């Protein structure tokens, strides 16, 4: 079981993670931002993400807590994420956002 303390991210920080992420294997996902919250959309299911550290989030899938990490490039932009033992590259920027501007 993971231990974590509540971690706050500003709304504009959440936008950095939104987008479509793809692997060279079967796994593709979208991180969407709606109403000040991030969501992982994968395999037709949607999971709310809870920030636990800068660039780290958890979500509950059935009886499990799943940890995902985001990684930044040299310019400090979110470039990829780690999920389900896979590295997914950010394929589009903010296209995963379902929030109306």
N, C-alpha and C. Protein backbone atom coordinates (compact mmCIF):
# COMPACT_ATOMS: atom_id res chain seq x y z
N UNK A 1 0.84 -1.17 0.00
CA UNK A 1 0.00 0.00 0.00
C UNK A 1 0.89 1.24 0.00
N UNK A 2 0.53 2.21 -0.81
CA UNK A 2 1.28 3.46 -0.87
C UNK A 2 0.87 4.38 0.26
N UNK A 3 1.84 5.13 0.78
CA UNK A 3 1.53 6.18 1.74
C UNK A 3 1.81 7.51 1.06
N UNK A 4 0.95 8.47 1.32
CA UNK A 4 1.08 9.78 0.68
C UNK A 4 0.33 10.81 1.50
N UNK A 5 0.76 12.04 1.34
CA UNK A 5 0.08 13.18 1.97
C UNK A 5 -0.63 13.96 0.87
N UNK A 6 -1.69 14.68 1.19
CA UNK A 6 -2.35 15.50 0.18
C UNK A 6 -1.36 16.47 -0.47
N UNK A 7 -1.49 16.65 -1.76
CA UNK A 7 -0.60 17.53 -2.52
C UNK A 7 -1.46 18.40 -3.42
N UNK A 8 -1.25 19.70 -3.36
CA UNK A 8 -2.06 20.65 -4.13
C UNK A 8 -1.32 21.09 -5.38
N UNK A 9 -2.04 21.15 -6.49
CA UNK A 9 -1.52 21.71 -7.73
C UNK A 9 -2.47 22.80 -8.19
N UNK A 10 -1.92 23.92 -8.66
CA UNK A 10 -2.74 25.00 -9.19
C UNK A 10 -3.38 24.55 -10.49
N UNK A 11 -4.50 25.16 -10.84
CA UNK A 11 -5.23 24.81 -12.04
C UNK A 11 -4.36 24.86 -13.29
N UNK A 12 -3.52 25.88 -13.41
CA UNK A 12 -2.66 25.99 -14.59
C UNK A 12 -1.60 24.89 -14.62
N UNK A 13 -1.21 24.39 -13.45
CA UNK A 13 -0.26 23.27 -13.41
C UNK A 13 -0.93 21.99 -13.92
N UNK A 14 -2.19 21.79 -13.60
CA UNK A 14 -2.90 20.61 -14.07
C UNK A 14 -2.93 20.54 -15.59
N UNK A 15 -3.05 21.69 -16.23
CA UNK A 15 -3.11 21.74 -17.70
C UNK A 15 -1.86 21.19 -18.36
N UNK A 16 -0.73 21.24 -17.67
CA UNK A 16 0.53 20.74 -18.23
C UNK A 16 0.47 19.25 -18.55
N UNK A 17 -0.35 18.51 -17.83
CA UNK A 17 -0.41 17.06 -17.98
C UNK A 17 -1.42 16.61 -19.03
N UNK A 18 -2.39 17.46 -19.36
CA UNK A 18 -3.46 17.07 -20.28
C UNK A 18 -2.92 16.77 -21.66
N UNK A 19 -3.42 15.71 -22.26
CA UNK A 19 -3.01 15.33 -23.61
C UNK A 19 -3.19 13.86 -23.85
N UNK A 20 -2.85 13.44 -25.04
CA UNK A 20 -2.90 12.03 -25.43
C UNK A 20 -1.50 11.43 -25.30
N UNK A 21 -1.42 10.26 -24.70
CA UNK A 21 -0.15 9.56 -24.48
C UNK A 21 -0.22 8.20 -25.18
N UNK A 22 0.86 7.84 -25.86
CA UNK A 22 0.88 6.60 -26.63
C UNK A 22 2.15 5.80 -26.33
N UNK A 23 1.99 4.48 -26.38
CA UNK A 23 3.15 3.60 -26.27
C UNK A 23 3.35 2.91 -27.62
N UNK A 24 4.47 2.24 -27.78
CA UNK A 24 4.72 1.48 -28.99
C UNK A 24 4.02 0.12 -28.93
N UNK A 25 3.31 -0.11 -27.85
CA UNK A 25 2.59 -1.37 -27.67
C UNK A 25 1.10 -1.06 -27.72
N UNK A 26 0.30 -1.81 -27.06
CA UNK A 26 -1.15 -1.71 -27.11
C UNK A 26 -1.73 -0.54 -26.34
N UNK A 27 -0.98 0.06 -25.44
CA UNK A 27 -1.56 1.01 -24.49
C UNK A 27 -1.50 2.45 -24.98
N UNK A 28 -2.67 3.08 -25.05
CA UNK A 28 -2.81 4.51 -25.32
C UNK A 28 -3.79 5.06 -24.31
N UNK A 29 -3.58 6.30 -23.90
CA UNK A 29 -4.45 6.89 -22.90
C UNK A 29 -4.57 8.39 -23.10
N UNK A 30 -5.56 8.97 -22.48
CA UNK A 30 -5.76 10.42 -22.49
C UNK A 30 -5.80 10.89 -21.05
N UNK A 31 -5.10 11.99 -20.78
CA UNK A 31 -5.24 12.68 -19.51
C UNK A 31 -6.08 13.92 -19.81
N UNK A 32 -7.25 13.98 -19.23
CA UNK A 32 -8.19 15.07 -19.48
C UNK A 32 -8.34 15.92 -18.22
N UNK A 33 -8.53 17.21 -18.42
CA UNK A 33 -8.76 18.13 -17.30
C UNK A 33 -10.19 18.66 -17.40
N UNK A 34 -10.94 18.43 -16.34
CA UNK A 34 -12.32 18.92 -16.26
C UNK A 34 -12.58 19.43 -14.85
N UNK A 35 -13.15 20.61 -14.77
CA UNK A 35 -13.56 21.17 -13.47
C UNK A 35 -12.45 21.14 -12.43
N UNK A 36 -11.23 21.49 -12.84
CA UNK A 36 -10.12 21.56 -11.90
C UNK A 36 -9.60 20.23 -11.42
N UNK A 37 -9.87 19.16 -12.16
CA UNK A 37 -9.47 17.80 -11.79
C UNK A 37 -8.91 17.11 -13.03
N UNK A 38 -7.90 16.26 -12.84
CA UNK A 38 -7.38 15.45 -13.93
C UNK A 38 -8.02 14.07 -13.89
N UNK A 39 -8.21 13.51 -15.10
CA UNK A 39 -8.78 12.18 -15.25
C UNK A 39 -7.95 11.38 -16.23
N UNK A 40 -7.74 10.11 -15.91
CA UNK A 40 -7.10 9.17 -16.81
C UNK A 40 -8.22 8.45 -17.56
N UNK A 41 -8.17 8.50 -18.89
CA UNK A 41 -9.14 7.80 -19.73
C UNK A 41 -8.40 6.70 -20.47
N UNK A 42 -8.78 5.44 -20.18
CA UNK A 42 -8.09 4.29 -20.78
C UNK A 42 -9.08 3.13 -20.91
N UNK A 43 -9.03 2.44 -22.03
CA UNK A 43 -9.86 1.26 -22.26
C UNK A 43 -11.35 1.54 -22.02
N UNK A 44 -11.81 2.73 -22.38
CA UNK A 44 -13.22 3.08 -22.22
C UNK A 44 -13.63 3.42 -20.79
N UNK A 45 -12.68 3.47 -19.88
CA UNK A 45 -12.97 3.79 -18.47
C UNK A 45 -12.30 5.11 -18.11
N UNK A 46 -12.85 5.78 -17.09
CA UNK A 46 -12.33 7.07 -16.64
C UNK A 46 -12.06 6.99 -15.14
N UNK A 47 -10.85 7.43 -14.74
CA UNK A 47 -10.44 7.41 -13.34
C UNK A 47 -9.99 8.79 -12.91
N UNK A 48 -10.52 9.34 -11.81
CA UNK A 48 -10.00 10.62 -11.31
C UNK A 48 -8.61 10.42 -10.73
N UNK A 49 -7.71 11.36 -11.02
CA UNK A 49 -6.34 11.30 -10.52
C UNK A 49 -6.19 12.18 -9.29
N UNK A 50 -5.45 11.70 -8.33
CA UNK A 50 -5.16 12.43 -7.10
C UNK A 50 -3.67 12.74 -7.07
N UNK A 51 -3.30 14.04 -7.06
CA UNK A 51 -1.87 14.36 -6.99
C UNK A 51 -1.29 14.00 -5.63
N UNK A 52 -0.10 13.39 -5.64
CA UNK A 52 0.56 13.01 -4.39
C UNK A 52 1.95 13.61 -4.29
N UNK A 53 2.47 14.15 -5.39
CA UNK A 53 3.77 14.83 -5.44
C UNK A 53 3.82 15.53 -6.79
N UNK A 54 4.82 16.40 -6.95
CA UNK A 54 4.95 17.02 -8.27
C UNK A 54 5.21 15.91 -9.28
N UNK A 55 4.39 15.85 -10.31
CA UNK A 55 4.50 14.88 -11.40
C UNK A 55 4.13 13.45 -11.01
N UNK A 56 3.50 13.24 -9.86
CA UNK A 56 3.07 11.91 -9.44
C UNK A 56 1.61 11.94 -9.00
N UNK A 57 0.85 10.93 -9.45
CA UNK A 57 -0.57 10.84 -9.16
C UNK A 57 -0.92 9.39 -8.84
N UNK A 58 -2.04 9.21 -8.17
CA UNK A 58 -2.58 7.88 -7.94
C UNK A 58 -4.04 7.87 -8.37
N UNK A 59 -4.56 6.68 -8.59
CA UNK A 59 -5.99 6.50 -8.78
C UNK A 59 -6.37 5.11 -8.29
N UNK A 60 -7.65 4.95 -8.01
CA UNK A 60 -8.14 3.66 -7.52
C UNK A 60 -8.77 2.90 -8.69
N UNK A 61 -8.30 1.68 -8.89
CA UNK A 61 -8.87 0.76 -9.87
C UNK A 61 -9.27 -0.50 -9.12
N UNK A 62 -10.56 -0.68 -9.01
CA UNK A 62 -11.12 -1.77 -8.20
C UNK A 62 -10.59 -1.67 -6.78
N UNK A 63 -9.89 -2.68 -6.32
CA UNK A 63 -9.35 -2.67 -4.96
C UNK A 63 -7.89 -2.27 -4.90
N UNK A 64 -7.36 -1.75 -6.00
CA UNK A 64 -5.94 -1.40 -6.06
C UNK A 64 -5.74 0.10 -6.17
N UNK A 65 -4.62 0.55 -5.65
CA UNK A 65 -4.18 1.93 -5.85
C UNK A 65 -3.08 1.87 -6.91
N UNK A 66 -3.27 2.63 -7.98
CA UNK A 66 -2.31 2.63 -9.09
C UNK A 66 -1.56 3.95 -9.08
N UNK A 67 -0.25 3.88 -9.20
CA UNK A 67 0.64 5.04 -9.18
C UNK A 67 1.09 5.34 -10.59
N UNK A 68 1.02 6.61 -11.01
CA UNK A 68 1.58 7.01 -12.30
C UNK A 68 2.50 8.21 -12.09
N UNK A 69 3.56 8.26 -12.87
CA UNK A 69 4.52 9.36 -12.83
C UNK A 69 4.62 9.99 -14.20
N UNK A 70 4.82 11.30 -14.22
CA UNK A 70 5.06 12.05 -15.45
C UNK A 70 6.52 12.48 -15.45
N UNK A 71 7.10 12.57 -16.64
CA UNK A 71 8.50 12.96 -16.80
C UNK A 71 8.59 14.14 -17.74
N UNK A 72 9.51 15.02 -17.47
CA UNK A 72 9.67 16.25 -18.24
C UNK A 72 10.91 16.20 -19.12
N UNK A 73 10.85 16.96 -20.22
CA UNK A 73 12.01 17.06 -21.11
C UNK A 73 12.95 18.13 -20.58
N UNK A 74 14.01 18.42 -21.31
CA UNK A 74 15.01 19.40 -20.86
C UNK A 74 14.45 20.80 -20.71
N UNK A 75 13.38 21.10 -21.45
CA UNK A 75 12.76 22.42 -21.36
C UNK A 75 11.74 22.50 -20.22
N UNK A 76 11.54 21.39 -19.51
CA UNK A 76 10.61 21.38 -18.39
C UNK A 76 9.17 21.07 -18.77
N UNK A 77 8.94 20.67 -20.01
CA UNK A 77 7.60 20.32 -20.47
C UNK A 77 7.33 18.84 -20.21
N UNK A 78 6.09 18.52 -19.85
CA UNK A 78 5.71 17.13 -19.65
C UNK A 78 5.81 16.41 -20.99
N UNK A 79 6.62 15.35 -21.05
CA UNK A 79 6.90 14.67 -22.31
C UNK A 79 6.42 13.21 -22.33
N UNK A 80 6.32 12.57 -21.16
CA UNK A 80 5.89 11.18 -21.13
C UNK A 80 5.38 10.82 -19.75
N UNK A 81 4.78 9.66 -19.67
CA UNK A 81 4.28 9.17 -18.39
C UNK A 81 4.56 7.69 -18.26
N UNK A 82 4.61 7.23 -17.03
CA UNK A 82 4.79 5.82 -16.71
C UNK A 82 3.47 5.30 -16.14
N UNK A 83 2.96 4.24 -16.79
CA UNK A 83 1.69 3.65 -16.36
C UNK A 83 1.65 2.20 -16.83
N UNK A 84 1.19 1.32 -15.99
CA UNK A 84 1.04 -0.11 -16.31
C UNK A 84 2.34 -0.72 -16.84
N UNK A 85 3.43 -0.39 -16.20
CA UNK A 85 4.76 -0.89 -16.56
C UNK A 85 5.16 -0.49 -17.98
N UNK A 86 4.58 0.59 -18.49
CA UNK A 86 4.88 1.09 -19.83
C UNK A 86 5.29 2.56 -19.74
N UNK A 87 6.08 2.99 -20.71
CA UNK A 87 6.41 4.39 -20.88
C UNK A 87 5.58 4.91 -22.06
N UNK A 88 4.75 5.89 -21.83
CA UNK A 88 3.90 6.46 -22.87
C UNK A 88 4.38 7.86 -23.20
N UNK A 89 4.56 8.15 -24.47
CA UNK A 89 5.04 9.45 -24.92
C UNK A 89 3.85 10.36 -25.17
N UNK A 90 4.00 11.61 -24.77
CA UNK A 90 2.93 12.58 -25.00
C UNK A 90 2.86 12.87 -26.50
N UNK A 91 1.74 12.51 -27.12
CA UNK A 91 1.58 12.63 -28.57
C UNK A 91 0.89 13.92 -28.97
N UNK A 92 0.10 14.49 -28.07
CA UNK A 92 -0.56 15.76 -28.37
C UNK A 92 -0.63 16.57 -27.10
N UNK A 93 -0.65 17.87 -27.27
CA UNK A 93 -0.67 18.78 -26.14
C UNK A 93 -2.07 19.33 -25.97
N UNK A 94 -2.61 19.14 -24.78
CA UNK A 94 -3.91 19.66 -24.39
C UNK A 94 -5.08 19.14 -25.21
N UNK A 95 -4.88 18.24 -26.17
CA UNK A 95 -6.00 17.68 -26.89
C UNK A 95 -6.82 16.77 -26.00
N UNK A 96 -6.25 16.35 -24.88
CA UNK A 96 -6.99 15.51 -23.96
C UNK A 96 -7.87 16.31 -23.04
N UNK A 97 -7.79 17.63 -23.08
CA UNK A 97 -8.57 18.45 -22.17
C UNK A 97 -10.01 18.50 -22.61
N UNK A 98 -10.91 18.14 -21.72
CA UNK A 98 -12.33 18.23 -22.01
C UNK A 98 -12.92 19.51 -21.45
N UNK A 99 -12.09 20.32 -20.83
CA UNK A 99 -12.57 21.54 -20.19
C UNK A 99 -12.79 22.62 -21.24
N UNK A 100 -13.89 23.32 -21.13
CA UNK A 100 -14.18 24.42 -22.03
C UNK A 100 -13.38 25.64 -21.65
N UNK A 101 -12.83 26.32 -22.63
CA UNK A 101 -12.04 27.52 -22.38
C UNK A 101 -12.91 28.75 -22.35
